Amino acid sequence: MEKIKKITIVSGYHTNEDHTRSEVYLKKIKQFIEKNNFEVTMRINNNPDDDFVFMSNSKIFMKSGGGFSKLVSEMVKKNNNLVL
């Protein structure tokens, strides 16, 4: 297995509410990952179809608890890649 060097955090907002708390949370996650010597990029609020294709082509995908993530993890597995 290749060594992980770069991590991309993908997220999107599905409501018109205030997302300040989510942005603070994501920033803290990014800082934590960077402190552990990984390069981190953020894909926030992009087109969901583009994000689906992007994540489906991951070599390593860390699944969350939602349905979108479940679909992506199935695609990653079909591509013979790793789902955590």
PDB file of N, CA and C in Angstrom:
ATOM      1  N   MET A   1       0.841  -1.180   0.000  1.00  0.00           N
ATOM      2  CA  MET A   1       0.000   0.000   0.000  1.00  0.00           C
ATOM      3  C   MET A   1       0.885   1.241   0.000  1.00  0.00           C
ATOM      4  N   GLU A   2       0.508   2.210  -0.812  1.00  0.00           N
ATOM      5  CA  GLU A   2       1.319   3.412  -0.869  1.00  0.00           C
ATOM      6  C   GLU A   2       1.073   4.294   0.345  1.00  0.00           C
ATOM      7  N   LYS A   3       2.079   5.088   0.652  1.00  0.00           N
ATOM      8  CA  LYS A   3       1.992   5.973   1.806  1.00  0.00           C
ATOM      9  C   LYS A   3       1.081   7.158   1.485  1.00  0.00           C
ATOM     10  N   ILE A   4       0.216   7.488   2.423  1.00  0.00           N
ATOM     11  CA  ILE A   4      -0.689   8.625   2.241  1.00  0.00           C
ATOM     12  C   ILE A   4       0.080   9.914   2.502  1.00  0.00           C
ATOM     13  N   LYS A   5      -0.009  10.845   1.549  1.00  0.00           N
ATOM     14  CA  LYS A   5       0.652  12.143   1.686  1.00  0.00           C
ATOM     15  C   LYS A   5      -0.347  13.285   1.621  1.00  0.00           C
ATOM     16  N   LYS A   6      -1.384  13.105   0.797  1.00  0.00           N
ATOM     17  CA  LYS A   6      -2.359  14.164   0.560  1.00  0.00           C
ATOM     18  C   LYS A   6      -3.755  13.684   0.939  1.00  0.00           C
ATOM     19  N   ILE A   7      -4.495  14.557   1.599  1.00  0.00           N
ATOM     20  CA  ILE A   7      -5.867  14.261   1.996  1.00  0.00           C
ATOM     21  C   ILE A   7      -6.753  15.398   1.501  1.00  0.00           C
ATOM     22  N   THR A   8      -7.889  15.029   0.912  1.00  0.00           N
ATOM     23  CA  THR A   8      -8.869  16.024   0.481  1.00  0.00           C
ATOM     24  C   THR A   8     -10.127  15.842   1.309  1.00  0.00           C
ATOM     25  N   ILE A   9     -10.562  16.914   1.947  1.00  0.00           N
ATOM     26  CA  ILE A   9     -11.814  16.919   2.697  1.00  0.00           C
ATOM     27  C   ILE A   9     -12.897  17.425   1.757  1.00  0.00           C
ATOM     28  N   VAL A  10     -13.953  16.640   1.600  1.00  0.00           N
ATOM     29  CA  VAL A  10     -15.056  17.003   0.711  1.00  0.00           C
ATOM     30  C   VAL A  10     -16.308  17.193   1.560  1.00  0.00           C
ATOM     31  N   SER A  11     -16.966  18.324   1.377  1.00  0.00           N
ATOM     32  CA  SER A  11     -18.178  18.618   2.134  1.00  0.00           C
ATOM     33  C   SER A  11     -19.068  19.544   1.322  1.00  0.00           C
ATOM     34  N   GLY A  12     -20.341  19.563   1.671  1.00  0.00           N
ATOM     35  CA  GLY A  12     -21.267  20.457   0.985  1.00  0.00           C
ATOM     36  C   GLY A  12     -22.429  20.798   1.891  1.00  0.00           C
ATOM     37  N   TYR A  13     -23.037  21.924   1.619  1.00  0.00           N
ATOM     38  CA  TYR A  13     -24.177  22.386   2.410  1.00  0.00           C
ATOM     39  C   TYR A  13     -25.451  22.137   1.622  1.00  0.00           C
ATOM     40  N   HIS A  14     -26.464  21.635   2.316  1.00  0.00           N
ATOM     41  CA  HIS A  14     -27.702  21.280   1.645  1.00  0.00           C
ATOM     42  C   HIS A  14     -28.863  22.166   2.072  1.00  0.00           C
ATOM     43  N   THR A  15     -28.557  23.160   2.891  1.00  0.00           N
ATOM     44  CA  THR A  15     -29.586  24.091   3.364  1.00  0.00           C
ATOM     45  C   THR A  15     -29.048  25.513   3.284  1.00  0.00           C
ATOM     46  N   ASN A  16     -29.912  26.464   3.445  1.00  0.00           N
ATOM     47  CA  ASN A  16     -29.505  27.874   3.419  1.00  0.00           C
ATOM     48  C   ASN A  16     -29.284  28.432   4.823  1.00  0.00           C
ATOM     49  N   GLU A  17     -29.060  27.574   5.791  1.00  0.00           N
ATOM     50  CA  GLU A  17     -28.831  27.990   7.167  1.00  0.00           C
ATOM     51  C   GLU A  17     -27.428  28.557   7.342  1.00  0.00           C
ATOM     52  N   ASP A  18     -27.176  29.050   8.540  1.00  0.00           N
ATOM     53  CA  ASP A  18     -25.840  29.528   8.901  1.00  0.00           C
ATOM     54  C   ASP A  18     -24.914  28.317   9.071  1.00  0.00           C
ATOM     55  N   HIS A  19     -23.796  28.309   8.371  1.00  0.00           N
ATOM     56  CA  HIS A  19     -22.868  27.170   8.396  1.00  0.00           C
ATOM     57  C   HIS A  19     -21.586  27.480   9.161  1.00  0.00           C
ATOM     58  N   THR A  20     -21.613  28.511   9.974  1.00  0.00           N
ATOM     59  CA  THR A  20     -20.426  28.937  10.710  1.00  0.00           C
ATOM     60  C   THR A  20     -19.852  27.814  11.562  1.00  0.00           C
ATOM     61  N   ARG A  21     -20.696  27.097  12.300  1.00  0.00           N
ATOM     62  CA  ARG A  21     -20.203  26.013  13.165  1.00  0.00           C
ATOM     63  C   ARG A  21     -19.565  24.898  12.343  1.00  0.00           C
ATOM     64  N   SER A  22     -20.156  24.577  11.208  1.00  0.00           N
ATOM     65  CA  SER A  22     -19.581  23.547  10.336  1.00  0.00           C
ATOM     66  C   SER A  22     -18.224  23.993   9.808  1.00  0.00           C
ATOM     67  N   GLU A  23     -18.106  25.262   9.447  1.00  0.00           N
ATOM     68  CA  GLU A  23     -16.839  25.768   8.926  1.00  0.00           C
ATOM     69  C   GLU A  23     -15.754  25.751   9.988  1.00  0.00           C
ATOM     70  N   VAL A  24     -16.109  26.067  11.234  1.00  0.00           N
ATOM     71  CA  VAL A  24     -15.146  25.998  12.336  1.00  0.00           C
ATOM     72  C   VAL A  24     -14.709  24.553  12.549  1.00  0.00           C
ATOM     73  N   TYR A  25     -15.657  23.630  12.525  1.00  0.00           N
ATOM     74  CA  TYR A  25     -15.376  22.203  12.702  1.00  0.00           C
ATOM     75  C   TYR A  25     -14.431  21.694  11.605  1.00  0.00           C
ATOM     76  N   LEU A  26     -14.744  22.022  10.353  1.00  0.00           N
ATOM     77  CA  LEU A  26     -13.896  21.587   9.239  1.00  0.00           C
ATOM     78  C   LEU A  26     -12.493  22.175   9.332  1.00  0.00           C
ATOM     79  N   LYS A  27     -12.406  23.419   9.753  1.00  0.00           N
ATOM     80  CA  LYS A  27     -11.096  24.070   9.911  1.00  0.00           C
ATOM     81  C   LYS A  27     -10.272  23.348  10.975  1.00  0.00           C
ATOM     82  N   LYS A  28     -10.910  22.946  12.068  1.00  0.00           N
ATOM     83  CA  LYS A  28     -10.188  22.224  13.131  1.00  0.00           C
ATOM     84  C   LYS A  28      -9.730  20.849  12.656  1.00  0.00           C
ATOM     85  N   ILE A  29     -10.557  20.176  11.883  1.00  0.00           N
ATOM     86  CA  ILE A  29     -10.152  18.885  11.318  1.00  0.00           C
ATOM     87  C   ILE A  29      -8.943  19.072  10.405  1.00  0.00           C
ATOM     88  N   LYS A  30      -9.000  20.090   9.550  1.00  0.00           N
ATOM     89  CA  LYS A  30      -7.888  20.378   8.631  1.00  0.00           C
ATOM     90  C   LYS A  30      -6.606  20.652   9.410  1.00  0.00           C
ATOM     91  N   GLN A  31      -6.701  21.465  10.459  1.00  0.00           N
ATOM     92  CA  GLN A  31      -5.516  21.788  11.268  1.00  0.00           C
ATOM     93  C   GLN A  31      -4.944  20.545  11.938  1.00  0.00           C
ATOM     94  N   PHE A  32      -5.824  19.670  12.442  1.00  0.00           N
ATOM     95  CA  PHE A  32      -5.372  18.434  13.070  1.00  0.00           C
ATOM     96  C   PHE A  32      -4.614  17.559  12.079  1.00  0.00           C
ATOM     97  N   ILE A  33      -5.158  17.417  10.887  1.00  0.00           N
ATOM     98  CA  ILE A  33      -4.520  16.582   9.864  1.00  0.00           C
ATOM     99  C   ILE A  33      -3.177  17.182   9.459  1.00  0.00           C
ATOM    100  N   GLU A  34      -3.135  18.498   9.288  1.00  0.00           N
ATOM    101  CA  GLU A  34      -1.884  19.162   8.909  1.00  0.00           C
ATOM    102  C   GLU A  34      -0.815  19.012   9.986  1.00  0.00           C
ATOM    103  N   LYS A  35      -1.209  19.025  11.254  1.00  0.00           N
ATOM    104  CA  LYS A  35      -0.246  18.843  12.352  1.00  0.00           C
ATOM    105  C   LYS A  35       0.379  17.461  12.312  1.00  0.00           C
ATOM    106  N   ASN A  36      -0.278  16.542  11.625  1.00  0.00           N
ATOM    107  CA  ASN A  36       0.243  15.184  11.485  1.00  0.00           C
ATOM    108  C   ASN A  36       0.950  14.979  10.144  1.00  0.00           C
ATOM    109  N   ASN A  37       1.400  16.101   9.577  1.00  0.00           N
ATOM    110  CA  ASN A  37       2.276  16.122   8.398  1.00  0.00           C
ATOM    111  C   ASN A  37       1.645  15.624   7.107  1.00  0.00           C
ATOM    112  N   PHE A  38       0.361  15.902   6.924  1.00  0.00           N
ATOM    113  CA  PHE A  38      -0.303  15.611   5.660  1.00  0.00           C
ATOM    114  C   PHE A  38      -0.618  16.922   4.956  1.00  0.00           C
ATOM    115  N   GLU A  39      -0.613  16.874   3.642  1.00  0.00           N
ATOM    116  CA  GLU A  39      -1.058  18.015   2.841  1.00  0.00           C
ATOM    117  C   GLU A  39      -2.576  17.904   2.712  1.00  0.00           C
ATOM    118  N   VAL A  40      -3.291  18.985   3.038  1.00  0.00           N
ATOM    119  CA  VAL A  40      -4.751  18.946   3.052  1.00  0.00           C
ATOM    120  C   VAL A  40      -5.316  19.980   2.082  1.00  0.00           C
ATOM    121  N   THR A  41      -6.261  19.529   1.264  1.00  0.00           N
ATOM    122  CA  THR A  41      -7.031  20.450   0.425  1.00  0.00           C
ATOM    123  C   THR A  41      -8.502  20.285   0.794  1.00  0.00           C
ATOM    124  N   MET A  42      -9.271  21.314   0.491  1.00  0.00           N
ATOM    125  CA  MET A  42     -10.690  21.309   0.823  1.00  0.00           C
ATOM    126  C   MET A  42     -11.505  21.463  -0.460  1.00  0.00           C
ATOM    127  N   ARG A  43     -12.547  20.657  -0.593  1.00  0.00           N
ATOM    128  CA  ARG A  43     -13.549  20.792  -1.666  1.00  0.00           C
ATOM    129  C   ARG A  43     -14.865  21.026  -0.953  1.00  0.00           C
ATOM    130  N   ILE A  44     -15.249  22.271  -0.846  1.00  0.00           N
ATOM    131  CA  ILE A  44     -16.430  22.616  -0.074  1.00  0.00           C
ATOM    132  C   ILE A  44     -17.492  23.222  -0.989  1.00  0.00           C
ATOM    133  N   ASN A  45     -18.676  22.631  -0.936  1.00  0.00           N
ATOM    134  CA  ASN A  45     -19.854  23.155  -1.624  1.00  0.00           C
ATOM    135  C   ASN A  45     -19.723  23.190  -3.144  1.00  0.00           C
ATOM    136  N   ASN A  46     -19.054  22.201  -3.695  1.00  0.00           N
ATOM    137  CA  ASN A  46     -18.973  22.080  -5.149  1.00  0.00           C
ATOM    138  C   ASN A  46     -20.192  21.325  -5.668  1.00  0.00           C
ATOM    139  N   ASN A  47     -20.233  21.124  -6.964  1.00  0.00           N
ATOM    140  CA  ASN A  47     -21.314  20.372  -7.590  1.00  0.00           C
ATOM    141  C   ASN A  47     -21.294  18.929  -7.062  1.00  0.00           C
ATOM    142  N   PRO A  48     -22.414  18.433  -6.520  1.00  0.00           N
ATOM    143  CA  PRO A  48     -22.434  17.081  -5.943  1.00  0.00           C
ATOM    144  C   PRO A  48     -22.075  15.983  -6.943  1.00  0.00           C
ATOM    145  N   ASP A  49     -22.458  16.150  -8.203  1.00  0.00           N
ATOM    146  CA  ASP A  49     -22.106  15.141  -9.209  1.00  0.00           C
ATOM    147  C   ASP A  49     -20.607  15.100  -9.427  1.00  0.00           C
ATOM    148  N   ASP A  50     -19.975  16.271  -9.483  1.00  0.00           N
ATOM    149  CA  ASP A  50     -18.516  16.337  -9.625  1.00  0.00           C
ATOM    150  C   ASP A  50     -17.826  15.722  -8.410  1.00  0.00           C
ATOM    151  N   ASP A  51     -18.364  16.014  -7.214  1.00  0.00           N
ATOM    152  CA  ASP A  51     -17.790  15.449  -5.994  1.00  0.00           C
ATOM    153  C   ASP A  51     -17.930  13.922  -5.986  1.00  0.00           C
ATOM    154  N   PHE A  52     -19.060  13.419  -6.474  1.00  0.00           N
ATOM    155  CA  PHE A  52     -19.275  11.969  -6.528  1.00  0.00           C
ATOM    156  C   PHE A  52     -18.221  11.301  -7.401  1.00  0.00           C
ATOM    157  N   VAL A  53     -17.977  11.860  -8.574  1.00  0.00           N
ATOM    158  CA  VAL A  53     -16.970  11.300  -9.482  1.00  0.00           C
ATOM    159  C   VAL A  53     -15.582  11.397  -8.850  1.00  0.00           C
ATOM    160  N   PHE A  54     -15.281  12.553  -8.272  1.00  0.00           N
ATOM    161  CA  PHE A  54     -13.982  12.768  -7.632  1.00  0.00           C
ATOM    162  C   PHE A  54     -13.742  11.736  -6.534  1.00  0.00           C
ATOM    163  N   MET A  55     -14.716  11.586  -5.639  1.00  0.00           N
ATOM    164  CA  MET A  55     -14.545  10.666  -4.514  1.00  0.00           C
ATOM    165  C   MET A  55     -14.571   9.206  -4.958  1.00  0.00           C
ATOM    166  N   SER A  56     -15.364   8.893  -5.974  1.00  0.00           N
ATOM    167  CA  SER A  56     -15.445   7.519  -6.464  1.00  0.00           C
ATOM    168  C   SER A  56     -14.124   7.030  -7.028  1.00  0.00           C
ATOM    169  N   ASN A  57     -13.283   7.953  -7.442  1.00  0.00           N
ATOM    170  CA  ASN A  57     -11.977   7.605  -7.997  1.00  0.00           C
ATOM    171  C   ASN A  57     -10.856   7.651  -6.961  1.00  0.00           C
ATOM    172  N   SER A  58     -11.227   7.722  -5.687  1.00  0.00           N
ATOM    173  CA  SER A  58     -10.241   7.722  -4.605  1.00  0.00           C
ATOM    174  C   SER A  58      -9.526   6.382  -4.530  1.00  0.00           C
ATOM    175  N   LYS A  59      -8.235   6.427  -4.243  1.00  0.00           N
ATOM    176  CA  LYS A  59      -7.501   5.188  -3.974  1.00  0.00           C
ATOM    177  C   LYS A  59      -7.813   4.707  -2.563  1.00  0.00           C
ATOM    178  N   ILE A  60      -8.000   5.672  -1.656  1.00  0.00           N
ATOM    179  CA  ILE A  60      -8.402   5.374  -0.284  1.00  0.00           C
ATOM    180  C   ILE A  60      -9.517   6.351   0.063  1.00  0.00           C
ATOM    181  N   PHE A  61     -10.650   5.828   0.534  1.00  0.00           N
ATOM    182  CA  PHE A  61     -11.800   6.662   0.861  1.00  0.00           C
ATOM    183  C   PHE A  61     -12.234   6.385   2.291  1.00  0.00           C
ATOM    184  N   MET A  62     -12.382   7.438   3.097  1.00  0.00           N
ATOM    185  CA  MET A  62     -12.877   7.284   4.456  1.00  0.00           C
ATOM    186  C   MET A  62     -14.358   7.628   4.460  1.00  0.00           C
ATOM    187  N   LYS A  63     -15.161   6.624   4.706  1.00  0.00           N
ATOM    188  CA  LYS A  63     -16.613   6.733   4.635  1.00  0.00           C
ATOM    189  C   LYS A  63     -17.172   7.450   5.863  1.00  0.00           C
ATOM    190  N   SER A  64     -18.190   8.276   5.636  1.00  0.00           N
ATOM    191  CA  SER A  64     -18.941   8.863   6.746  1.00  0.00           C
ATOM    192  C   SER A  64     -20.235   8.071   6.910  1.00  0.00           C
ATOM    193  N   GLY A  65     -21.197   8.596   7.642  1.00  0.00           N
ATOM    194  CA  GLY A  65     -22.401   7.838   7.934  1.00  0.00           C
ATOM    195  C   GLY A  65     -23.564   8.062   6.983  1.00  0.00           C
ATOM    196  N   GLY A  66     -23.413   8.935   6.005  1.00  0.00           N
ATOM    197  CA  GLY A  66     -24.539   9.267   5.136  1.00  0.00           C
ATOM    198  C   GLY A  66     -24.698   8.371   3.931  1.00  0.00           C
ATOM    199  N   GLY A  67     -25.836   8.531   3.271  1.00  0.00           N
ATOM    200  CA  GLY A  67     -26.139   7.730   2.093  1.00  0.00           C
ATOM    201  C   GLY A  67     -25.241   8.039   0.908  1.00  0.00           C
ATOM    202  N   PHE A  68     -24.880   9.316   0.729  1.00  0.00           N
ATOM    203  CA  PHE A  68     -23.986   9.718  -0.361  1.00  0.00           C
ATOM    204  C   PHE A  68     -22.639   9.023  -0.200  1.00  0.00           C
ATOM    205  N   SER A  69     -22.138   9.026   1.017  1.00  0.00           N
ATOM    206  CA  SER A  69     -20.861   8.377   1.313  1.00  0.00           C
ATOM    207  C   SER A  69     -20.942   6.868   1.083  1.00  0.00           C
ATOM    208  N   LYS A  70     -22.086   6.279   1.402  1.00  0.00           N
ATOM    209  CA  LYS A  70     -22.268   4.844   1.175  1.00  0.00           C
ATOM    210  C   LYS A  70     -22.185   4.519  -0.313  1.00  0.00           C
ATOM    211  N   LEU A  71     -22.836   5.339  -1.143  1.00  0.00           N
ATOM    212  CA  LEU A  71     -22.775   5.126  -2.599  1.00  0.00           C
ATOM    213  C   LEU A  71     -21.344   5.267  -3.112  1.00  0.00           C
ATOM    214  N   VAL A  72     -20.655   6.300  -2.634  1.00  0.00           N
ATOM    215  CA  VAL A  72     -19.266   6.514  -3.057  1.00  0.00           C
ATOM    216  C   VAL A  72     -18.407   5.320  -2.655  1.00  0.00           C
ATOM    217  N   SER A  73     -18.596   4.825  -1.426  1.00  0.00           N
ATOM    218  CA  SER A  73     -17.770   3.701  -0.966  1.00  0.00           C
ATOM    219  C   SER A  73     -17.986   2.459  -1.838  1.00  0.00           C
ATOM    220  N   GLU A  74     -19.215   2.263  -2.305  1.00  0.00           N
ATOM    221  CA  GLU A  74     -19.477   1.138  -3.202  1.00  0.00           C
ATOM    222  C   GLU A  74     -18.723   1.299  -4.523  1.00  0.00           C
ATOM    223  N   MET A  75     -18.661   2.516  -5.028  1.00  0.00           N
ATOM    224  CA  MET A  75     -17.919   2.771  -6.270  1.00  0.00           C
ATOM    225  C   MET A  75     -16.414   2.572  -6.067  1.00  0.00           C
ATOM    226  N   VAL A  76     -15.898   3.048  -4.944  1.00  0.00           N
ATOM    227  CA  VAL A  76     -14.466   2.879  -4.636  1.00  0.00           C
ATOM    228  C   VAL A  76     -14.121   1.398  -4.600  1.00  0.00           C
ATOM    229  N   LYS A  77     -14.967   0.610  -3.959  1.00  0.00           N
ATOM    230  CA  LYS A  77     -14.735  -0.845  -3.892  1.00  0.00           C
ATOM    231  C   LYS A  77     -14.781  -1.463  -5.289  1.00  0.00           C
ATOM    232  N   LYS A  78     -15.737  -1.031  -6.125  1.00  0.00           N
ATOM    233  CA  LYS A  78     -15.826  -1.561  -7.493  1.00  0.00           C
ATOM    234  C   LYS A  78     -14.586  -1.227  -8.306  1.00  0.00           C
ATOM    235  N   ASN A  79     -13.922  -0.154  -7.937  1.00  0.00           N
ATOM    236  CA  ASN A  79     -12.662   0.233  -8.606  1.00  0.00           C
ATOM    237  C   ASN A  79     -11.464  -0.466  -7.973  1.00  0.00           C
ATOM    238  N   ASN A  80     -11.740  -1.433  -7.085  1.00  0.00           N
ATOM    239  CA  ASN A  80     -10.692  -2.196  -6.386  1.00  0.00           C
ATOM    240  C   ASN A  80      -9.779  -1.322  -5.547  1.00  0.00           C
ATOM    241  N   ASN A  81     -10.369  -0.305  -4.935  1.00  0.00           N
ATOM    242  CA  ASN A  81      -9.620   0.557  -4.048  1.00  0.00           C
ATOM    243  C   ASN A  81     -10.130   0.374  -2.615  1.00  0.00           C
ATOM    244  N   LEU A  82      -9.519   1.061  -1.672  1.00  0.00           N
ATOM    245  CA  LEU A  82      -9.728   0.812  -0.256  1.00  0.00           C
ATOM    246  C   LEU A  82     -10.740   1.786   0.358  1.00  0.00           C
ATOM    247  N   VAL A  83     -11.660   1.213   1.142  1.00  0.00           N
ATOM    248  CA  VAL A  83     -12.617   2.009   1.919  1.00  0.00           C
ATOM    249  C   VAL A  83     -12.326   1.768   3.385  1.00  0.00           C
ATOM    250  N   LEU A  84     -12.183   2.864   4.119  1.00  0.00           N
ATOM    251  CA  LEU A  84     -11.953   2.764   5.571  1.00  0.00           C
ATOM    252  C   LEU A  84     -13.236   3.034   6.316  1.00  0.00           C
TER     253      LEU A  84
END
